[in-house]
Amino acid sequence: MPRYEYRCRTCGDTFELSRPMAESAAPADCPAGHDDTVKLLSTVAVGGTVSAPAPKVGGGGGGGGCCGGGCCG
C-alpha cells in the first residue's frame, strides 16, 4: 500500500499515512488532531546503480576528430 506524506498547516508537523491510491486525495487529520493539512509531493528513491560504458581512448577509427573520425594527414 502506498505511503503519502502530509503537512499540518496549523502546527507544521509532517506525517505519513499508508492508504489505498483511491484515497490519496481524501482529507487527512494531523496526529495532533488538526484538520488543516496538505498532501506533499514526494520523490521516489530507487536503489541500485547505473553504469555507462567507459569512453574509448586512443586511435582505431571513429570518435570525431577533425574529419569526422578519419585521419587527416
C-alpha atoms as a PDB file:
ATOM      1  CA  MET A   1       0.000   0.000   0.000  1.00  0.00           C
ATOM      2  CA  PRO A   2       1.451   3.420  -0.916  1.00  0.00           C
ATOM      3  CA  ARG A   3       2.578   5.879   1.748  1.00  0.00           C
ATOM      4  CA  TYR A   4       1.642   9.533   1.409  1.00  0.00           C
ATOM      5  CA  GLU A   5       3.270  12.434   3.217  1.00  0.00           C
ATOM      6  CA  TYR A   6       1.207  15.291   4.652  1.00  0.00           C
ATOM      7  CA  ARG A   7       1.984  18.538   6.475  1.00  0.00           C
ATOM      8  CA  CYS A   8      -0.256  20.178   9.048  1.00  0.00           C
ATOM      9  CA  ARG A   9      -0.745  23.867   8.346  1.00  0.00           C
ATOM     10  CA  THR A  10      -1.722  24.504  11.972  1.00  0.00           C
ATOM     11  CA  CYS A  11       1.264  23.036  13.829  1.00  0.00           C
ATOM     12  CA  GLY A  12       3.734  22.420  10.968  1.00  0.00           C
ATOM     13  CA  ASP A  13       4.091  18.699  11.756  1.00  0.00           C
ATOM     14  CA  THR A  14       4.887  16.384   8.838  1.00  0.00           C
ATOM     15  CA  PHE A  15       3.463  12.864   8.918  1.00  0.00           C
ATOM     16  CA  GLU A  16       2.881   9.857   6.667  1.00  0.00           C
ATOM     17  CA  LEU A  17      -0.173   7.707   6.080  1.00  0.00           C
ATOM     18  CA  SER A  18      -0.483   4.356   4.327  1.00  0.00           C
ATOM     19  CA  ARG A  19      -3.675   4.332   2.312  1.00  0.00           C
ATOM     20  CA  PRO A  20      -5.003   2.966  -0.980  1.00  0.00           C
ATOM     21  CA  MET A  21      -4.368   5.070  -4.089  1.00  0.00           C
ATOM     22  CA  ALA A  22      -8.122   5.627  -4.410  1.00  0.00           C
ATOM     23  CA  GLU A  23      -7.999   7.510  -1.081  1.00  0.00           C
ATOM     24  CA  SER A  24      -4.850   9.537  -1.790  1.00  0.00           C
ATOM     25  CA  ALA A  25      -6.799  12.793  -2.235  1.00  0.00           C
ATOM     26  CA  ALA A  26      -9.016  12.238   0.821  1.00  0.00           C
ATOM     27  CA  PRO A  27      -8.517  14.664   3.731  1.00  0.00           C
ATOM     28  CA  ALA A  28      -6.033  13.562   6.407  1.00  0.00           C
ATOM     29  CA  ASP A  29      -6.078  14.618  10.053  1.00  0.00           C
ATOM     30  CA  CYS A  30      -2.854  15.587  11.773  1.00  0.00           C
ATOM     31  CA  PRO A  31      -1.779  13.215  14.604  1.00  0.00           C
ATOM     32  CA  ALA A  32      -2.301  16.207  16.946  1.00  0.00           C
ATOM     33  CA  GLY A  33      -5.949  16.408  15.861  1.00  0.00           C
ATOM     34  CA  HIS A  34      -5.809  19.328  13.433  1.00  0.00           C
ATOM     35  CA  ASP A  35      -7.700  19.041  10.165  1.00  0.00           C
ATOM     36  CA  ASP A  36      -5.943  21.718   8.071  1.00  0.00           C
ATOM     37  CA  THR A  37      -3.434  19.501   6.255  1.00  0.00           C
ATOM     38  CA  VAL A  38      -1.939  19.392   2.787  1.00  0.00           C
ATOM     39  CA  LYS A  39      -0.565  16.402   0.875  1.00  0.00           C
ATOM     40  CA  LEU A  40       3.102  16.858  -0.049  1.00  0.00           C
ATOM     41  CA  LEU A  41       4.604  15.949  -3.371  1.00  0.00           C
ATOM     42  CA  SER A  42       7.125  13.235  -2.607  1.00  0.00           C
ATOM     43  CA  THR A  43      10.004  11.996  -4.681  1.00  0.00           C
ATOM     44  CA  VAL A  44      10.670   8.333  -5.112  1.00  0.00           C
ATOM     45  CA  ALA A  45      14.097   6.951  -4.369  1.00  0.00           C
ATOM     46  CA  VAL A  46      15.022   3.759  -6.170  1.00  0.00           C
ATOM     47  CA  GLY A  47      18.101   1.858  -5.115  1.00  0.00           C
ATOM     48  CA  GLY A  48      20.689   0.477  -7.489  1.00  0.00           C
ATOM     49  CA  THR A  49      23.477   1.745  -9.643  1.00  0.00           C
ATOM     50  CA  VAL A  50      23.716   2.789 -13.239  1.00  0.00           C
ATOM     51  CA  SER A  51      26.884   2.232 -15.156  1.00  0.00           C
ATOM     52  CA  ALA A  52      27.781   3.561 -18.554  1.00  0.00           C
ATOM     53  CA  PRO A  53      30.488   2.165 -20.783  1.00  0.00           C
ATOM     54  CA  ALA A  54      33.813   3.940 -20.451  1.00  0.00           C
ATOM     55  CA  PRO A  55      34.743   6.174 -23.380  1.00  0.00           C
ATOM     56  CA  LYS A  56      37.276   4.699 -25.801  1.00  0.00           C
ATOM     57  CA  VAL A  57      40.703   6.276 -25.682  1.00  0.00           C
ATOM     58  CA  GLY A  58      43.261   6.208 -28.450  1.00  0.00           C
ATOM     59  CA  GLY A  59      43.187   5.511 -32.197  1.00  0.00           C
ATOM     60  CA  GLY A  60      41.197   2.957 -34.029  1.00  0.00           C
ATOM     61  CA  GLY A  61      38.689   4.781 -36.234  1.00  0.00           C
ATOM     62  CA  GLY A  62      35.560   6.573 -35.166  1.00  0.00           C
ATOM     63  CA  GLY A  63      35.271   9.128 -32.451  1.00  0.00           C
ATOM     64  CA  GLY A  64      35.106  12.505 -34.153  1.00  0.00           C
ATOM     65  CA  GLY A  65      38.456  14.099 -34.842  1.00  0.00           C
ATOM     66  CA  CYS A  66      38.954  16.872 -37.356  1.00  0.00           C
ATOM     67  CA  CYS A  67      37.467  14.906 -40.267  1.00  0.00           C
ATOM     68  CA  GLY A  68      34.557  13.131 -38.596  1.00  0.00           C
ATOM     69  CA  GLY A  69      36.604  10.168 -37.479  1.00  0.00           C
ATOM     70  CA  GLY A  70      39.024   9.882 -40.380  1.00  0.00           C
ATOM     71  CA  CYS A  71      42.721  10.515 -40.236  1.00  0.00           C
ATOM     72  CA  CYS A  72      43.682  13.900 -41.623  1.00  0.00           C
ATOM     73  CA  GLY A  73      47.094  13.929 -42.789  1.00  0.00           C
END
